[in-house]
Amino acid sequence: MEQGEVLASALEEALRHVEGLRDKVVVVKVGGSTLGSQDTTSRDLVTLQRDSQRNQNEYRDDVTFRRNEEIANVQTELLKAIQAVAQAQAFDIVLPDSAVVFISNRVDITQQVIDYIKKASPAAPAKANP
């Protein structure tokens, strides 16, 4: 299983857990008027809502953390590809497009970096253009 599939599976499992807790809160709300004393069911409801909120926050934090990890991995691979292409063509400096007012196609290495990344990771699935 690829890393992306493992991540998706873990996130789906966490989401199912959070949704299960949300279902428990709904059951307590529905049963609150018929079960035991009002104080007990209200406390149970508040406790379940807090637990649900805490689990939702943990889930969001996990997703954010894992997304940031993946972004960092992609940025590292991109930097390696840019450095490889720049060294292969003996460039002295490579600037991001945000730091340049104008760039000639003659010195734009974007497509070369994309080609390098495609060659370096042939296992990546090809995406269909919509």
C-alpha atoms as a PDB file:
ATOM      1  CA  MET A   1       0.000   0.000   0.000  1.00  0.00           C
ATOM      2  CA  GLU A   2       1.373   3.442  -0.904  1.00  0.00           C
ATOM      3  CA  GLN A   3       1.907   6.163   1.693  1.00  0.00           C
ATOM      4  CA  GLY A   4      -1.027   8.186   0.346  1.00  0.00           C
ATOM      5  CA  GLU A   5      -3.363   5.192   0.648  1.00  0.00           C
ATOM      6  CA  VAL A   6      -2.207   4.528   4.217  1.00  0.00           C
ATOM      7  CA  LEU A   7      -2.819   8.189   5.099  1.00  0.00           C
ATOM      8  CA  ALA A   8      -6.272   8.147   3.511  1.00  0.00           C
ATOM      9  CA  SER A   9      -7.174   4.929   5.332  1.00  0.00           C
ATOM     10  CA  ALA A  10      -6.069   6.308   8.710  1.00  0.00           C
ATOM     11  CA  LEU A  11      -7.974   9.539   8.164  1.00  0.00           C
ATOM     12  CA  GLU A  12     -11.130   7.692   7.117  1.00  0.00           C
ATOM     13  CA  GLU A  13     -10.932   5.544  10.257  1.00  0.00           C
ATOM     14  CA  ALA A  14     -10.547   8.633  12.471  1.00  0.00           C
ATOM     15  CA  LEU A  15     -13.485  10.295  10.722  1.00  0.00           C
ATOM     16  CA  ARG A  16     -15.691   7.230  11.295  1.00  0.00           C
ATOM     17  CA  HIS A  17     -14.750   7.340  14.987  1.00  0.00           C
ATOM     18  CA  VAL A  18     -15.689  11.024  15.248  1.00  0.00           C
ATOM     19  CA  GLU A  19     -18.963  10.422  13.418  1.00  0.00           C
ATOM     20  CA  GLY A  20     -19.725   7.525  15.793  1.00  0.00           C
ATOM     21  CA  LEU A  21     -19.314   9.858  18.746  1.00  0.00           C
ATOM     22  CA  ARG A  22     -21.589  12.393  17.083  1.00  0.00           C
ATOM     23  CA  ASP A  23     -24.237   9.653  16.745  1.00  0.00           C
ATOM     24  CA  LYS A  24     -23.974   8.953  20.495  1.00  0.00           C
ATOM     25  CA  VAL A  25     -24.630  12.620  21.242  1.00  0.00           C
ATOM     26  CA  VAL A  26     -27.778  12.520  19.105  1.00  0.00           C
ATOM     27  CA  VAL A  27     -29.006   9.402  20.956  1.00  0.00           C
ATOM     28  CA  VAL A  28     -28.551  11.126  24.314  1.00  0.00           C
ATOM     29  CA  LYS A  29     -30.442  14.190  23.099  1.00  0.00           C
ATOM     30  CA  VAL A  30     -33.335  12.050  21.921  1.00  0.00           C
ATOM     31  CA  GLY A  31     -33.329   9.906  25.067  1.00  0.00           C
ATOM     32  CA  GLY A  32     -32.778  12.841  27.425  1.00  0.00           C
ATOM     33  CA  SER A  33     -36.459  13.477  28.031  1.00  0.00           C
ATOM     34  CA  THR A  34     -37.286   9.849  28.829  1.00  0.00           C
ATOM     35  CA  LEU A  35     -34.191   8.566  30.627  1.00  0.00           C
ATOM     36  CA  GLY A  36     -33.562   8.997  34.364  1.00  0.00           C
ATOM     37  CA  SER A  37     -33.214  12.395  35.915  1.00  0.00           C
ATOM     38  CA  GLN A  38     -32.817  15.472  33.750  1.00  0.00           C
ATOM     39  CA  ASP A  39     -29.538  16.430  35.500  1.00  0.00           C
ATOM     40  CA  THR A  40     -27.865  13.107  34.773  1.00  0.00           C
ATOM     41  CA  THR A  41     -28.759  13.082  31.086  1.00  0.00           C
ATOM     42  CA  SER A  42     -27.763  16.736  30.732  1.00  0.00           C
ATOM     43  CA  ARG A  43     -24.365  16.005  32.272  1.00  0.00           C
ATOM     44  CA  ASP A  44     -23.955  12.963  30.036  1.00  0.00           C
ATOM     45  CA  LEU A  45     -24.857  15.085  27.039  1.00  0.00           C
ATOM     46  CA  VAL A  46     -22.337  17.767  27.954  1.00  0.00           C
ATOM     47  CA  THR A  47     -19.642  15.136  28.526  1.00  0.00           C
ATOM     48  CA  LEU A  48     -20.329  13.473  25.186  1.00  0.00           C
ATOM     49  CA  GLN A  49     -20.358  16.823  23.396  1.00  0.00           C
ATOM     50  CA  ARG A  50     -17.001  17.731  24.944  1.00  0.00           C
ATOM     51  CA  ASP A  51     -15.551  14.349  24.005  1.00  0.00           C
ATOM     52  CA  SER A  52     -16.889  14.704  20.488  1.00  0.00           C
ATOM     53  CA  GLN A  53     -15.467  18.219  20.141  1.00  0.00           C
ATOM     54  CA  ARG A  54     -12.105  17.071  21.522  1.00  0.00           C
ATOM     55  CA  ASN A  55     -11.995  14.156  19.064  1.00  0.00           C
ATOM     56  CA  GLN A  56     -12.936  16.419  16.164  1.00  0.00           C
ATOM     57  CA  ASN A  57     -10.132  18.817  17.135  1.00  0.00           C
ATOM     58  CA  GLU A  58      -7.654  15.931  17.391  1.00  0.00           C
ATOM     59  CA  TYR A  59      -8.770  14.695  13.972  1.00  0.00           C
ATOM     60  CA  ARG A  60      -8.317  18.176  12.443  1.00  0.00           C
ATOM     61  CA  ASP A  61      -4.895  18.470  14.084  1.00  0.00           C
ATOM     62  CA  ASP A  62      -3.875  15.058  12.712  1.00  0.00           C
ATOM     63  CA  VAL A  63      -5.022  15.982   9.214  1.00  0.00           C
ATOM     64  CA  THR A  64      -3.185  19.314   9.372  1.00  0.00           C
ATOM     65  CA  PHE A  65      -0.013  17.698  10.703  1.00  0.00           C
ATOM     66  CA  ARG A  66      -0.009  14.959   8.050  1.00  0.00           C
ATOM     67  CA  ARG A  67      -0.811  17.441   5.273  1.00  0.00           C
ATOM     68  CA  ASN A  68       2.108  19.615   6.385  1.00  0.00           C
ATOM     69  CA  GLU A  69       4.377  16.544   6.430  1.00  0.00           C
ATOM     70  CA  GLU A  70       3.372  15.678   2.868  1.00  0.00           C
ATOM     71  CA  ILE A  71       3.833  19.266   1.690  1.00  0.00           C
ATOM     72  CA  ALA A  72       7.322  19.294   3.252  1.00  0.00           C
ATOM     73  CA  ASN A  73       8.165  16.033   1.446  1.00  0.00           C
ATOM     74  CA  VAL A  74       7.006  17.445  -1.886  1.00  0.00           C
ATOM     75  CA  GLN A  75       8.945  20.670  -1.317  1.00  0.00           C
ATOM     76  CA  THR A  76      12.105  18.680  -0.516  1.00  0.00           C
ATOM     77  CA  GLU A  77      11.767  16.592  -3.680  1.00  0.00           C
ATOM     78  CA  LEU A  78      11.072  19.705  -5.733  1.00  0.00           C
ATOM     79  CA  LEU A  79      14.162  21.440  -4.361  1.00  0.00           C
ATOM     80  CA  LYS A  80      16.289  18.384  -5.198  1.00  0.00           C
ATOM     81  CA  ALA A  81      14.911  18.356  -8.749  1.00  0.00           C
ATOM     82  CA  ILE A  82      15.557  22.087  -9.227  1.00  0.00           C
ATOM     83  CA  GLN A  83      19.115  21.685  -7.959  1.00  0.00           C
ATOM     84  CA  ALA A  84      19.751  18.693 -10.238  1.00  0.00           C
ATOM     85  CA  VAL A  85      18.478  20.506 -13.337  1.00  0.00           C
ATOM     86  CA  ALA A  86      20.367  23.696 -12.448  1.00  0.00           C
ATOM     87  CA  GLN A  87      23.617  21.781 -11.904  1.00  0.00           C
ATOM     88  CA  ALA A  88      23.172  19.774 -15.104  1.00  0.00           C
ATOM     89  CA  GLN A  89      22.798  23.019 -17.084  1.00  0.00           C
ATOM     90  CA  ALA A  90      25.512  24.858 -15.121  1.00  0.00           C
ATOM     91  CA  PHE A  91      23.257  27.637 -13.866  1.00  0.00           C
ATOM     92  CA  ASP A  92      24.778  29.963 -11.298  1.00  0.00           C
ATOM     93  CA  ILE A  93      21.465  30.979  -9.752  1.00  0.00           C
ATOM     94  CA  VAL A  94      17.820  29.908  -9.857  1.00  0.00           C
ATOM     95  CA  LEU A  95      15.141  32.345  -8.674  1.00  0.00           C
ATOM     96  CA  PRO A  96      11.454  31.704  -7.952  1.00  0.00           C
ATOM     97  CA  ASP A  97       9.033  33.420 -10.325  1.00  0.00           C
ATOM     98  CA  SER A  98       7.792  35.587  -7.448  1.00  0.00           C
ATOM     99  CA  ALA A  99      11.238  37.262  -7.266  1.00  0.00           C
ATOM    100  CA  VAL A 100      11.461  37.982 -10.999  1.00  0.00           C
ATOM    101  CA  VAL A 101       9.651  40.663 -12.967  1.00  0.00           C
ATOM    102  CA  PHE A 102      10.362  39.107 -16.377  1.00  0.00           C
ATOM    103  CA  ILE A 103      11.874  35.813 -17.480  1.00  0.00           C
ATOM    104  CA  SER A 104      12.724  34.600 -20.945  1.00  0.00           C
ATOM    105  CA  ASN A 105      11.603  31.138 -21.990  1.00  0.00           C
ATOM    106  CA  ARG A 106      15.250  30.476 -22.766  1.00  0.00           C
ATOM    107  CA  VAL A 107      16.124  30.389 -19.047  1.00  0.00           C
ATOM    108  CA  ASP A 108      12.811  29.086 -17.665  1.00  0.00           C
ATOM    109  CA  ILE A 109      13.536  25.561 -16.368  1.00  0.00           C
ATOM    110  CA  THR A 110      10.039  24.789 -15.077  1.00  0.00           C
ATOM    111  CA  GLN A 111       9.255  22.149 -17.703  1.00  0.00           C
ATOM    112  CA  GLN A 112      12.696  20.583 -17.296  1.00  0.00           C
ATOM    113  CA  VAL A 113      12.126  20.260 -13.539  1.00  0.00           C
ATOM    114  CA  ILE A 114       8.709  18.680 -14.168  1.00  0.00           C
ATOM    115  CA  ASP A 115      10.277  16.206 -16.607  1.00  0.00           C
ATOM    116  CA  TYR A 116      13.029  15.404 -14.092  1.00  0.00           C
ATOM    117  CA  ILE A 117      10.467  14.699 -11.360  1.00  0.00           C
ATOM    118  CA  LYS A 118       8.451  12.458 -13.704  1.00  0.00           C
ATOM    119  CA  LYS A 119      11.586  10.461 -14.550  1.00  0.00           C
ATOM    120  CA  ALA A 120      12.639  10.227 -10.898  1.00  0.00           C
ATOM    121  CA  SER A 121       9.277   8.886  -9.716  1.00  0.00           C
ATOM    122  CA  PRO A 122       7.712   6.684 -12.405  1.00  0.00           C
ATOM    123  CA  ALA A 123       5.372   5.074  -9.843  1.00  0.00           C
ATOM    124  CA  ALA A 124       3.313   8.257  -9.602  1.00  0.00           C
ATOM    125  CA  PRO A 125      -0.087   7.775 -11.293  1.00  0.00           C
ATOM    126  CA  ALA A 126      -0.813   9.977 -14.286  1.00  0.00           C
ATOM    127  CA  LYS A 127      -3.668  12.399 -13.717  1.00  0.00           C
ATOM    128  CA  ALA A 128      -6.252  12.972 -16.390  1.00  0.00           C
ATOM    129  CA  ASN A 129      -6.795  16.592 -17.327  1.00  0.00           C
ATOM    130  CA  PRO A 130     -10.455  17.573 -16.835  1.00  0.00           C
END
